C-alpha atoms as a PDB file:
ATOM      1  CA  MET A   1     -62.223  96.978  71.007  1.00  0.00           C
ATOM      2  CA  LEU A   2     -61.410  97.907  67.406  1.00  0.00           C
ATOM      3  CA  ARG A   3     -61.392  94.260  66.345  1.00  0.00           C
ATOM      4  CA  SER A   4     -64.841  93.786  67.875  1.00  0.00           C
ATOM      5  CA  LEU A   5     -66.035  96.523  65.498  1.00  0.00           C
ATOM      6  CA  GLY A   6     -64.320  94.781  62.586  1.00  0.00           C
ATOM      7  CA  TRP A   7     -62.038  97.746  61.914  1.00  0.00           C
ATOM      8  CA  THR A   8     -58.691  97.079  60.262  1.00  0.00           C
ATOM      9  CA  ALA A   9     -55.449  98.938  59.536  1.00  0.00           C
ATOM     10  CA  GLY A  10     -55.981 101.879  57.207  1.00  0.00           C
ATOM     11  CA  GLN A  11     -59.698 102.096  58.043  1.00  0.00           C
ATOM     12  CA  ARG A  12     -61.040 105.580  57.221  1.00  0.00           C
ATOM     13  CA  LEU A  13     -62.633 107.330  60.184  1.00  0.00           C
ATOM     14  CA  ASP A  14     -64.653 110.393  61.050  1.00  0.00           C
ATOM     15  CA  ILE A  15     -63.600 111.804  64.427  1.00  0.00           C
ATOM     16  CA  ARG A  16     -65.493 114.579  66.183  1.00  0.00           C
ATOM     17  CA  ALA A  17     -66.012 116.069  69.624  1.00  0.00           C
ATOM     18  CA  VAL A  18     -69.477 115.674  71.108  1.00  0.00           C
ATOM     19  CA  GLU A  19     -70.118 117.400  74.445  1.00  0.00           C
ATOM     20  CA  GLY A  20     -66.612 116.783  75.807  1.00  0.00           C
ATOM     21  CA  SER A  21     -66.317 113.228  74.502  1.00  0.00           C
ATOM     22  CA  VAL A  22     -64.966 111.973  71.193  1.00  0.00           C
ATOM     23  CA  MET A  23     -67.021 110.044  68.649  1.00  0.00           C
ATOM     24  CA  VAL A  24     -65.070 107.912  66.182  1.00  0.00           C
ATOM     25  CA  ALA A  25     -67.055 106.384  63.329  1.00  0.00           C
ATOM     26  CA  CYS A  26     -66.116 104.254  60.357  1.00  0.00           C
ATOM     27  CA  ARG A  27     -66.797 106.379  57.263  1.00  0.00           C
ATOM     28  CA  GLU A  28     -65.700 105.911  53.657  1.00  0.00           C
ATOM     29  CA  ASP A  29     -65.192 109.671  53.387  1.00  0.00           C
ATOM     30  CA  GLY A  30     -63.378 109.967  56.745  1.00  0.00           C
ATOM     31  CA  VAL A  31     -60.210 112.054  56.793  1.00  0.00           C
ATOM     32  CA  PHE A  32     -58.587 110.129  59.664  1.00  0.00           C
ATOM     33  CA  PHE A  33     -57.219 106.567  59.540  1.00  0.00           C
ATOM     34  CA  LEU A  34     -56.299 103.656  61.798  1.00  0.00           C
ATOM     35  CA  THR A  35     -52.515 103.244  61.786  1.00  0.00           C
ATOM     36  CA  SER A  36     -50.821 100.536  59.751  1.00  0.00           C
ATOM     37  CA  GLN A  37     -50.688  98.539  63.016  1.00  0.00           C
ATOM     38  CA  GLY A  38     -54.453  98.967  63.436  1.00  0.00           C
ATOM     39  CA  HIS A  39     -54.152 101.476  66.303  1.00  0.00           C
ATOM     40  CA  LEU A  40     -56.385 104.456  66.858  1.00  0.00           C
ATOM     41  CA  ARG A  41     -54.443 107.662  67.404  1.00  0.00           C
ATOM     42  CA  LEU A  42     -56.413 110.736  68.294  1.00  0.00           C
ATOM     43  CA  PRO A  43     -54.958 113.715  66.433  1.00  0.00           C
ATOM     44  CA  ALA A  44     -53.767 116.692  68.486  1.00  0.00           C
ATOM     45  CA  VAL A  45     -56.664 118.851  67.322  1.00  0.00           C
ATOM     46  CA  VAL A  46     -59.129 116.239  68.621  1.00  0.00           C
ATOM     47  CA  ARG A  47     -57.320 115.986  71.968  1.00  0.00           C
ATOM     48  CA  HIS A  48     -57.462 119.784  72.270  1.00  0.00           C
ATOM     49  CA  TRP A  49     -61.217 119.802  71.560  1.00  0.00           C
ATOM     50  CA  CYS A  50     -61.756 117.713  74.696  1.00  0.00           C
ATOM     51  CA  ALA A  51     -58.823 118.953  76.807  1.00  0.00           C
ATOM     52  CA  LEU A  52     -57.437 115.412  76.725  1.00  0.00           C
ATOM     53  CA  ARG A  53     -53.856 115.208  77.980  1.00  0.00           C
ATOM     54  CA  PRO A  54     -51.306 112.458  77.262  1.00  0.00           C
ATOM     55  CA  GLY A  55     -51.728 109.563  79.673  1.00  0.00           C
ATOM     56  CA  GLN A  56     -55.184 110.670  80.806  1.00  0.00           C
ATOM     57  CA  ARG A  57     -57.549 107.762  81.322  1.00  0.00           C
ATOM     58  CA  VAL A  58     -60.658 107.433  79.185  1.00  0.00           C
ATOM     59  CA  LEU A  59     -63.587 105.049  78.903  1.00  0.00           C
ATOM     60  CA  LEU A  60     -64.039 103.428  75.486  1.00  0.00           C
ATOM     61  CA  ALA A  61     -67.491 102.235  74.486  1.00  0.00           C
ATOM     62  CA  ALA A  62     -68.062 100.368  71.225  1.00  0.00           C
ATOM     63  CA  GLU A  63     -71.324 101.079  69.404  1.00  0.00           C
ATOM     64  CA  PRO A  64     -71.517  98.246  66.831  1.00  0.00           C
ATOM     65  CA  ASP A  65     -74.990  99.281  65.589  1.00  0.00           C
ATOM     66  CA  HIS A  66     -73.502 102.644  64.558  1.00  0.00           C
ATOM     67  CA  ASP A  67     -70.084 101.267  63.531  1.00  0.00           C
ATOM     68  CA  ALA A  68     -68.634 103.733  66.027  1.00  0.00           C
ATOM     69  CA  LEU A  69     -66.577 104.110  69.170  1.00  0.00           C
ATOM     70  CA  ALA A  70     -67.156 106.614  71.978  1.00  0.00           C
ATOM     71  CA  VAL A  71     -64.173 107.957  73.910  1.00  0.00           C
ATOM     72  CA  HIS A  72     -65.359 109.459  77.205  1.00  0.00           C
ATOM     73  CA  THR A  73     -63.014 111.620  79.290  1.00  0.00           C
ATOM     74  CA  MET A  74     -62.967 111.520  83.092  1.00  0.00           C
ATOM     75  CA  PRO A  75     -64.576 114.976  83.478  1.00  0.00           C
ATOM     76  CA  VAL A  76     -67.495 113.808  81.307  1.00  0.00           C
ATOM     77  CA  LEU A  77     -67.870 110.619  83.341  1.00  0.00           C
ATOM     78  CA  ASP A  78     -67.709 112.590  86.597  1.00  0.00           C
ATOM     79  CA  SER A  79     -70.508 114.865  85.421  1.00  0.00           C
ATOM     80  CA  LEU A  80     -72.625 111.913  84.313  1.00  0.00           C
ATOM     81  CA  LEU A  81     -72.190 109.982  87.552  1.00  0.00           C
ATOM     82  CA  THR A  82     -72.259 112.671  90.249  1.00  0.00           C
ATOM     83  CA  GLU A  83     -76.033 112.931  90.566  1.00  0.00           C
ATOM     84  CA  PRO A  84     -76.847 109.178  90.309  1.00  0.00           C
ATOM     85  CA  HIS A  85     -74.209 108.368  92.942  1.00  0.00           C
ATOM     86  CA  ALA A  86     -75.535 111.064  95.253  1.00  0.00           C
ATOM     87  CA  ARG A  87     -79.061 109.635  94.915  1.00  0.00           C
ATOM     88  CA  MET A  88     -77.795 106.112  95.425  1.00  0.00           C
ATOM     89  CA  PHE A  89     -76.052 106.961  98.652  1.00  0.00           C
ATOM     90  CA  GLY A  90     -78.650 109.408  99.972  1.00  0.00           C
ATOM     91  CA  GLY A  91     -76.626 112.582  99.654  1.00  0.00           C
ATOM     92  CA  GLU A  92     -76.553 115.712  97.600  1.00  0.00           C
ATOM     93  CA  PRO A  93     -74.384 116.168  94.517  1.00  0.00           C
ATOM     94  CA  THR A  94     -71.231 118.138  95.288  1.00  0.00           C
END
Protein backbone atom coordinates (compact mmCIF):
# COMPACT_ATOMS: atom_id res chain seq x y z
CA MET A 1 0.00 0.00 0.00
CA LEU A 2 2.76 2.45 0.94
CA ARG A 3 4.72 1.64 -2.21
CA SER A 4 1.64 2.34 -4.32
CA LEU A 5 1.68 5.86 -2.83
CA GLY A 6 5.39 6.17 -3.61
CA TRP A 7 6.31 6.59 0.06
CA THR A 8 9.79 5.55 1.15
CA ALA A 9 11.72 4.98 4.38
CA GLY A 10 12.07 8.17 6.41
CA GLN A 11 9.09 9.81 4.68
CA ARG A 12 7.69 12.63 6.84
CA LEU A 13 4.02 12.21 7.70
CA ASP A 14 1.14 14.06 9.28
CA ILE A 15 -1.06 11.68 11.28
CA ARG A 16 -4.40 12.72 12.75
CA ALA A 17 -7.66 11.23 14.00
CA VAL A 18 -10.74 12.02 11.93
CA GLU A 19 -14.07 10.78 13.30
CA GLY A 20 -12.65 7.55 14.75
CA SER A 21 -10.37 6.79 11.81
CA VAL A 22 -6.77 7.80 11.21
CA MET A 23 -5.61 9.94 8.30
CA VAL A 24 -1.95 9.65 7.35
CA ALA A 25 -0.66 12.14 4.79
CA CYS A 26 2.74 12.78 3.27
CA ARG A 27 3.81 16.24 4.46
CA GLU A 28 7.20 17.94 4.38
CA ASP A 29 6.48 19.43 7.80
CA GLY A 30 5.13 16.16 9.27
CA VAL A 31 6.38 15.20 12.72
CA PHE A 32 5.99 11.44 12.17
CA PHE A 33 8.10 9.23 9.88
CA LEU A 34 8.03 5.88 8.08
CA THR A 35 10.53 3.55 9.74
CA SER A 36 13.92 2.85 8.20
CA GLN A 37 12.35 -0.36 6.84
CA GLY A 38 9.56 1.69 5.23
CA HIS A 39 6.89 0.57 7.72
CA LEU A 40 4.13 2.73 9.10
CA ARG A 41 3.90 2.59 12.88
CA LEU A 42 1.03 4.40 14.49
CA PRO A 43 2.27 6.13 17.64
CA ALA A 44 0.58 5.27 20.94
CA VAL A 45 -1.11 8.66 21.13
CA VAL A 46 -2.71 8.06 17.72
CA ARG A 47 -3.87 4.57 18.72
CA HIS A 48 -5.42 6.05 21.87
CA TRP A 49 -7.27 8.71 19.84
CA CYS A 50 -9.14 5.93 18.03
CA ALA A 51 -9.22 3.30 20.79
CA LEU A 52 -7.13 1.06 18.53
CA ARG A 53 -5.72 -1.96 20.36
CA PRO A 54 -2.72 -4.09 19.33
CA GLY A 55 -3.74 -6.76 16.85
CA GLN A 56 -7.06 -5.10 16.04
CA ARG A 57 -7.95 -5.34 12.36
CA VAL A 58 -8.26 -2.20 10.27
CA LEU A 59 -9.10 -1.33 6.69
CA LEU A 60 -6.43 0.64 4.82
CA ALA A 61 -7.48 2.81 1.90
CA ALA A 62 -4.91 4.63 -0.22
CA GLU A 63 -5.89 8.08 -1.49
CA PRO A 64 -3.25 8.80 -4.18
CA ASP A 65 -4.88 12.10 -5.25
CA HIS A 66 -4.32 13.39 -1.70
CA ASP A 67 -1.01 11.57 -1.12
CA ALA A 68 -2.68 10.03 1.92
CA LEU A 69 -3.76 6.81 3.57
CA ALA A 70 -6.93 6.23 5.59
CA VAL A 71 -6.88 3.74 8.45
CA HIS A 72 -10.45 2.75 9.34
CA THR A 73 -11.18 0.86 12.56
CA MET A 74 -13.82 -1.88 12.79
CA PRO A 75 -16.23 0.24 14.89
CA VAL A 76 -16.12 2.94 12.18
CA LEU A 77 -16.75 0.38 9.45
CA ASP A 78 -19.61 -1.16 11.44
CA SER A 79 -21.27 2.23 11.79
CA LEU A 80 -20.83 2.97 8.09
CA LEU A 81 -22.22 -0.36 6.94
CA THR A 82 -25.06 -1.07 9.37
CA GLU A 83 -27.73 0.98 7.61
CA PRO A 84 -26.82 0.03 3.99
CA HIS A 85 -26.78 -3.67 4.91
CA ALA A 86 -30.13 -3.38 6.66
CA ARG A 87 -31.62 -1.73 3.55
CA MET A 88 -30.03 -4.31 1.29
CA PHE A 89 -31.51 -7.21 3.18
CA GLY A 90 -34.87 -5.60 3.96
CA GLY A 91 -34.43 -5.20 7.69
CA GLU A 92 -33.96 -2.47 10.22
CA PRO A 93 -30.57 -1.36 11.52
CA THR A 94 -29.79 -2.88 14.91
